[in-house]
Amino acid sequence: MNSFLPGLYIVSTPIGNLEDITLRALNVLKNSDKILCEDTRRSIKLLNFYGIKKKLIPNHKFNEKKISNSIIQSISNGERISIISDAGTPIISDPGLIIVKECIKNKIDIFPIPGVSAVSTAMSVSGFDDQYFFYGFLQKKSSLIEKEINKIKDYDANIVFFVPAVKINFYIKYFKKFFKCRNIFIGREMTKIHETFYRENLDKFSGFKEKLKGELTVVLSKKINNSSQENFFDENKLIKDIEAYLKRYSLKDVVKLVSEKNNLSKKKVYNICLSIKKK
């Protein structure tokens, strides 16, 4: 690849499914002299999957500043260095910003190799409009969380957060306190076998009873009114509920019960009931 110039390559990698990577990204990784990564144990799985044999250099929040000078020197000597994260697009809530700034400071070329991002993936299936504000990870201490959220609680846009699954109920209590009249979308294990989406009205959502694993992408909707709220519901769960009700109650009673419980129009519920009965 003669046109593969010296510089820093910001390479997007899969967020779960290893097939979600571009041909260009694979070509860049194959032609890199070194690859910076968060965790060599995770990144080696991706490289082995595609038969790429390259030197991996750990690059994380504890050593990024320390190694930045040597990386700049390597690129200045004509090397092509790629940076990847454990999942998705590097720098976005991941290590790498220090090295990018050093490259800019030293007038070293930086090449974006776009691809998968958990942010755009979640937004595409959230059911919300395309205006959003990406926040990333919140602080861990209560006082700092409240200080941060106070700055953004009135934003008239969808807001995207990254949340560790084990802490989701902890953060939901702050979402409920500061973000009134909004819906919440939660993407778990996106693009993986156990991919699951949760869609709830935040005011009514009390959190999860079971323990979740991994990292979650959470999207809070814009403030909602009754008409927009009606368009937001978990259809699969609703169908299961209606199927159970129809075995016990009349069609008329089911329509009344479900429409009131889920804040949906009777016509919408009636049509769902009819489609179930026709199966």
Protein backbone atom coordinates (compact mmCIF):
# COMPACT_ATOMS: atom_id res chain seq x y z
CA MET A 1 0.00 0.00 0.00
CA ASN A 2 2.29 2.75 -1.30
CA SER A 3 -0.09 5.56 -0.37
CA PHE A 4 -0.07 4.50 3.30
CA LEU A 5 1.68 7.56 4.73
CA PRO A 6 3.42 7.98 8.09
CA GLY A 7 1.11 9.35 10.76
CA LEU A 8 -1.44 8.49 13.43
CA TYR A 9 -4.47 6.47 12.28
CA ILE A 10 -7.63 6.61 14.42
CA VAL A 11 -9.20 3.24 13.62
CA SER A 12 -12.75 2.31 14.60
CA THR A 13 -13.28 -1.30 15.65
CA PRO A 14 -16.40 -3.42 16.39
CA ILE A 15 -18.46 -2.77 19.52
CA GLY A 16 -19.39 -6.44 19.75
CA ASN A 17 -19.79 -8.38 16.54
CA LEU A 18 -16.30 -8.83 15.08
CA GLU A 19 -17.67 -8.61 11.53
CA ASP A 20 -18.60 -4.95 12.06
CA ILE A 21 -15.34 -3.49 10.76
CA THR A 22 -14.56 -1.80 7.45
CA LEU A 23 -12.25 -3.13 4.77
CA ARG A 24 -10.25 0.08 5.02
CA ALA A 25 -9.78 -0.38 8.78
CA LEU A 26 -8.45 -3.91 8.25
CA ASN A 27 -6.09 -2.69 5.54
CA VAL A 28 -4.78 0.07 7.80
CA LEU A 29 -4.20 -2.33 10.71
CA LYS A 30 -2.38 -4.80 8.44
CA ASN A 31 -0.05 -2.04 7.25
CA SER A 32 0.60 -0.40 10.62
CA ASP A 33 4.04 -0.58 12.18
CA LYS A 34 2.55 -0.49 15.67
CA ILE A 35 -0.98 -0.56 17.08
CA LEU A 36 -1.89 1.28 20.28
CA CYS A 37 -4.72 -0.33 22.24
CA GLU A 38 -6.46 -0.09 25.62
CA ASP A 39 -6.14 -3.75 26.56
CA THR A 40 -3.87 -6.09 24.60
CA ARG A 41 -5.90 -9.11 25.79
CA ARG A 42 -9.04 -7.79 24.11
CA SER A 43 -7.44 -6.35 20.99
CA ILE A 44 -5.49 -9.52 20.23
CA LYS A 45 -8.80 -11.36 19.76
CA LEU A 46 -9.76 -8.97 16.94
CA LEU A 47 -6.34 -9.19 15.29
CA ASN A 48 -6.27 -13.00 15.54
CA PHE A 49 -9.77 -13.20 14.05
CA TYR A 50 -8.48 -11.46 10.91
CA GLY A 51 -4.99 -12.98 10.94
CA ILE A 52 -3.21 -9.69 11.62
CA LYS A 53 0.22 -10.03 13.21
CA LYS A 54 1.32 -6.65 14.54
CA LYS A 55 2.92 -5.33 17.71
CA LEU A 56 0.36 -4.14 20.26
CA ILE A 57 1.31 -1.35 22.66
CA PRO A 58 -0.89 -0.70 25.72
CA ASN A 59 -2.32 2.82 25.71
CA HIS A 60 -4.56 3.70 28.64
CA LYS A 61 -5.21 6.53 31.10
CA PHE A 62 -2.35 5.41 33.35
CA ASN A 63 0.42 5.47 30.72
CA GLU A 64 -0.80 7.59 27.80
CA LYS A 65 1.12 10.71 28.82
CA LYS A 66 4.25 8.65 29.51
CA ILE A 67 4.37 7.00 26.07
CA SER A 68 3.25 9.99 23.99
CA ASN A 69 6.79 11.29 23.33
CA SER A 70 8.02 7.93 22.06
CA ILE A 71 4.97 7.63 19.78
CA ILE A 72 5.58 11.09 18.34
CA GLN A 73 9.22 10.17 17.75
CA SER A 74 8.28 6.91 16.01
CA ILE A 75 5.91 8.69 13.63
CA SER A 76 8.53 11.40 12.99
CA ASN A 77 10.88 8.58 11.97
CA GLY A 78 8.42 7.46 9.31
CA GLU A 79 6.29 4.90 11.15
CA ARG A 80 2.57 4.37 10.65
CA ILE A 81 0.87 3.97 14.00
CA SER A 82 -2.77 3.07 14.55
CA ILE A 83 -4.77 3.59 17.69
CA ILE A 84 -7.78 1.43 18.56
CA SER A 85 -10.01 1.16 21.61
CA ASP A 86 -11.56 -1.92 23.19
CA ALA A 87 -14.72 -1.20 21.20
CA GLY A 88 -15.96 1.45 18.80
CA THR A 89 -14.32 4.71 17.83
CA PRO A 90 -11.15 5.70 19.74
CA ILE A 91 -10.89 8.96 21.70
CA ILE A 92 -14.68 9.08 22.24
CA SER A 93 -14.78 8.38 26.02
CA ASP A 94 -11.61 6.34 25.49
CA PRO A 95 -7.83 7.00 25.74
CA GLY A 96 -5.98 8.72 22.90
CA LEU A 97 -6.70 12.43 23.24
CA ILE A 98 -3.27 13.22 24.70
CA ILE A 99 -1.50 11.64 21.74
CA VAL A 100 -3.83 13.33 19.24
CA LYS A 101 -3.07 16.72 20.81
CA GLU A 102 0.67 16.01 20.67
CA CYS A 103 0.36 15.12 16.98
CA ILE A 104 -1.45 18.38 16.29
CA LYS A 105 1.18 20.28 18.26
CA ASN A 106 3.98 18.63 16.27
CA LYS A 107 2.16 19.01 12.91
CA ILE A 108 1.95 15.23 12.44
CA ASP A 109 -0.73 13.89 10.11
CA ILE A 110 -3.80 12.30 11.71
CA PHE A 111 -6.05 10.05 9.63
CA PRO A 112 -9.59 9.14 10.77
CA ILE A 113 -10.70 5.64 9.78
CA PRO A 114 -14.43 5.79 10.60
CA GLY A 115 -16.66 2.91 11.54
CA VAL A 116 -18.84 1.67 14.38
CA SER A 117 -19.82 3.88 17.32
CA ALA A 118 -22.06 2.85 20.21
CA VAL A 119 -23.52 6.37 20.16
CA SER A 120 -24.85 6.29 16.60
CA THR A 121 -25.81 2.62 16.95
CA ALA A 122 -28.01 3.36 19.97
CA MET A 123 -29.53 6.47 18.42
CA SER A 124 -30.44 4.59 15.24
CA VAL A 125 -32.72 2.17 17.13
CA SER A 126 -33.84 4.41 19.99
CA GLY A 127 -36.96 5.69 18.26
CA PHE A 128 -35.97 9.27 19.11
CA ASP A 129 -35.26 12.02 16.58
CA ASP A 130 -31.71 12.64 15.37
CA GLN A 131 -30.87 15.67 17.53
CA TYR A 132 -28.72 14.49 20.42
CA PHE A 133 -26.05 15.56 22.85
CA PHE A 134 -23.36 13.03 23.69
CA TYR A 135 -22.15 13.17 27.29
CA GLY A 136 -20.36 9.87 27.86
CA PHE A 137 -19.50 8.61 31.35
CA LEU A 138 -20.78 10.45 34.41
CA GLN A 139 -18.71 10.95 37.55
CA LYS A 140 -18.88 8.35 40.34
CA LYS A 141 -19.46 10.60 43.37
CA SER A 142 -22.96 11.86 44.15
CA SER A 143 -21.95 15.51 44.60
CA LEU A 144 -20.13 15.56 41.25
CA ILE A 145 -22.95 13.74 39.46
CA GLU A 146 -25.51 16.32 40.59
CA LYS A 147 -23.19 19.16 39.60
CA GLU A 148 -22.75 17.70 36.11
CA ILE A 149 -26.40 16.88 35.51
CA ASN A 150 -27.52 20.33 36.68
CA LYS A 151 -25.65 21.78 33.70
CA ILE A 152 -27.48 19.66 31.12
CA LYS A 153 -30.87 18.82 32.67
CA ASP A 154 -32.71 21.46 30.62
CA TYR A 155 -31.13 20.60 27.25
CA ASP A 156 -33.85 20.31 24.61
CA ALA A 157 -32.20 17.32 22.98
CA ASN A 158 -31.76 13.60 23.42
CA ILE A 159 -28.80 12.92 25.73
CA VAL A 160 -26.50 9.89 25.39
CA PHE A 161 -24.59 8.38 28.31
CA PHE A 162 -22.27 5.41 28.77
CA VAL A 163 -23.06 3.55 31.99
CA PRO A 164 -21.45 0.44 33.53
CA ALA A 165 -24.22 -2.16 33.85
CA VAL A 166 -23.49 -2.82 37.53
CA LYS A 167 -24.16 0.88 38.27
CA ILE A 168 -27.29 1.40 36.17
CA ASN A 169 -29.76 1.53 39.08
CA PHE A 170 -27.45 3.95 40.90
CA TYR A 171 -27.51 6.38 37.97
CA ILE A 172 -31.22 5.90 37.19
CA LYS A 173 -32.15 7.51 40.51
CA TYR A 174 -30.31 10.67 39.40
CA PHE A 175 -31.88 10.55 35.93
CA LYS A 176 -35.33 10.33 37.54
CA LYS A 177 -34.55 13.21 39.90
CA PHE A 178 -33.27 15.67 37.30
CA PHE A 179 -34.79 14.59 33.95
CA LYS A 180 -38.56 14.76 34.29
CA CYS A 181 -41.01 13.91 31.49
CA ARG A 182 -38.58 11.94 29.36
CA ASN A 183 -38.36 8.46 27.93
CA ILE A 184 -35.30 6.29 28.39
CA PHE A 185 -33.69 3.86 25.95
CA ILE A 186 -31.03 1.41 27.13
CA GLY A 187 -28.93 -0.69 24.76
CA ARG A 188 -27.22 -3.72 26.28
CA GLU A 189 -24.71 -6.00 24.52
CA MET A 190 -25.38 -4.20 21.23
CA THR A 191 -24.53 -6.25 18.10
CA LYS A 192 -23.81 -9.32 20.26
CA ILE A 193 -25.81 -12.55 20.67
CA HIS A 194 -27.59 -11.31 23.79
CA GLU A 195 -28.35 -7.85 22.41
CA THR A 196 -31.26 -6.37 24.37
CA PHE A 197 -33.08 -3.05 24.14
CA TYR A 198 -35.12 -1.54 26.97
CA ARG A 199 -37.61 1.26 26.35
CA GLU A 200 -39.35 2.86 29.30
CA ASN A 201 -40.98 6.03 30.51
CA LEU A 202 -38.35 7.40 32.88
CA ASP A 203 -40.86 8.76 35.40
CA LYS A 204 -42.40 5.30 35.78
CA PHE A 205 -39.19 3.27 35.54
CA SER A 206 -37.87 1.93 38.85
CA GLY A 207 -34.76 0.23 37.49
CA PHE A 208 -33.73 -3.39 37.09
CA LYS A 209 -34.37 -6.20 39.55
CA GLU A 210 -31.83 -8.49 37.90
CA LYS A 211 -28.12 -7.70 37.66
CA LEU A 212 -26.91 -6.65 34.21
CA LYS A 213 -23.42 -7.15 32.84
CA GLY A 214 -21.16 -5.12 30.54
CA GLU A 215 -21.49 -1.51 29.48
CA LEU A 216 -24.78 0.11 28.58
CA THR A 217 -25.56 2.91 26.19
CA VAL A 218 -28.33 5.03 27.66
CA VAL A 219 -30.34 7.61 25.73
CA LEU A 220 -32.69 10.03 27.46
CA SER A 221 -35.25 11.54 25.11
CA LYS A 222 -36.22 15.16 24.79
CA LYS A 223 -38.97 16.23 27.15
CA ILE A 224 -42.15 14.52 26.02
CA ASN A 225 -45.80 15.38 25.82
CA ASN A 226 -48.68 12.91 25.87
CA SER A 227 -48.82 12.46 22.12
CA SER A 228 -45.12 11.66 21.75
CA GLN A 229 -45.21 9.42 24.80
CA GLU A 230 -47.91 7.34 23.14
CA ASN A 231 -45.54 6.51 20.31
CA PHE A 232 -42.94 5.10 22.67
CA PHE A 233 -43.55 1.60 24.01
CA ASP A 234 -42.02 -1.86 23.96
CA GLU A 235 -44.20 -3.53 21.33
CA ASN A 236 -42.95 -7.06 21.98
CA LYS A 237 -43.73 -6.80 25.68
CA LEU A 238 -47.09 -5.19 24.93
CA ILE A 239 -48.08 -8.02 22.58
CA LYS A 240 -47.18 -10.64 25.20
CA ASP A 241 -49.24 -8.81 27.80
CA ILE A 242 -52.23 -8.53 25.47
CA GLU A 243 -52.01 -12.22 24.53
CA ALA A 244 -52.18 -13.11 28.23
CA TYR A 245 -55.09 -10.73 28.88
CA LEU A 246 -57.11 -12.03 25.93
CA LYS A 247 -57.09 -15.50 27.48
CA ARG A 248 -58.80 -14.13 30.58
CA TYR A 249 -60.84 -11.07 29.57
CA SER A 250 -63.12 -9.87 26.80
CA LEU A 251 -61.73 -7.86 23.89
CA LYS A 252 -63.48 -4.73 25.16
CA ASP A 253 -62.00 -5.09 28.64
CA VAL A 254 -58.51 -5.75 27.31
CA VAL A 255 -58.60 -2.64 25.11
CA LYS A 256 -59.70 -0.49 28.05
CA LEU A 257 -57.17 -2.01 30.46
CA VAL A 258 -54.15 -1.85 28.16
CA SER A 259 -54.85 1.63 26.80
CA GLU A 260 -55.15 3.09 30.30
CA LYS A 261 -52.15 1.20 31.68
CA ASN A 262 -49.81 2.17 28.80
CA ASN A 263 -51.25 5.57 27.91
CA LEU A 264 -52.10 4.38 24.38
CA SER A 265 -55.11 5.16 22.25
CA LYS A 266 -57.89 2.54 22.30
CA LYS A 267 -57.74 2.35 18.51
CA LYS A 268 -54.04 1.40 18.58
CA VAL A 269 -54.63 -1.28 21.22
CA TYR A 270 -57.73 -2.57 19.40
CA ASN A 271 -55.76 -3.03 16.16
CA ILE A 272 -53.04 -4.94 18.02
CA CYS A 273 -55.70 -7.18 19.58
CA LEU A 274 -57.22 -7.92 16.19
CA SER A 275 -53.84 -8.82 14.70
CA ILE A 276 -53.23 -11.25 17.58
CA LYS A 277 -56.64 -12.87 17.17
CA LYS A 278 -56.01 -13.43 13.46
CA LYS A 279 -52.87 -15.46 14.10
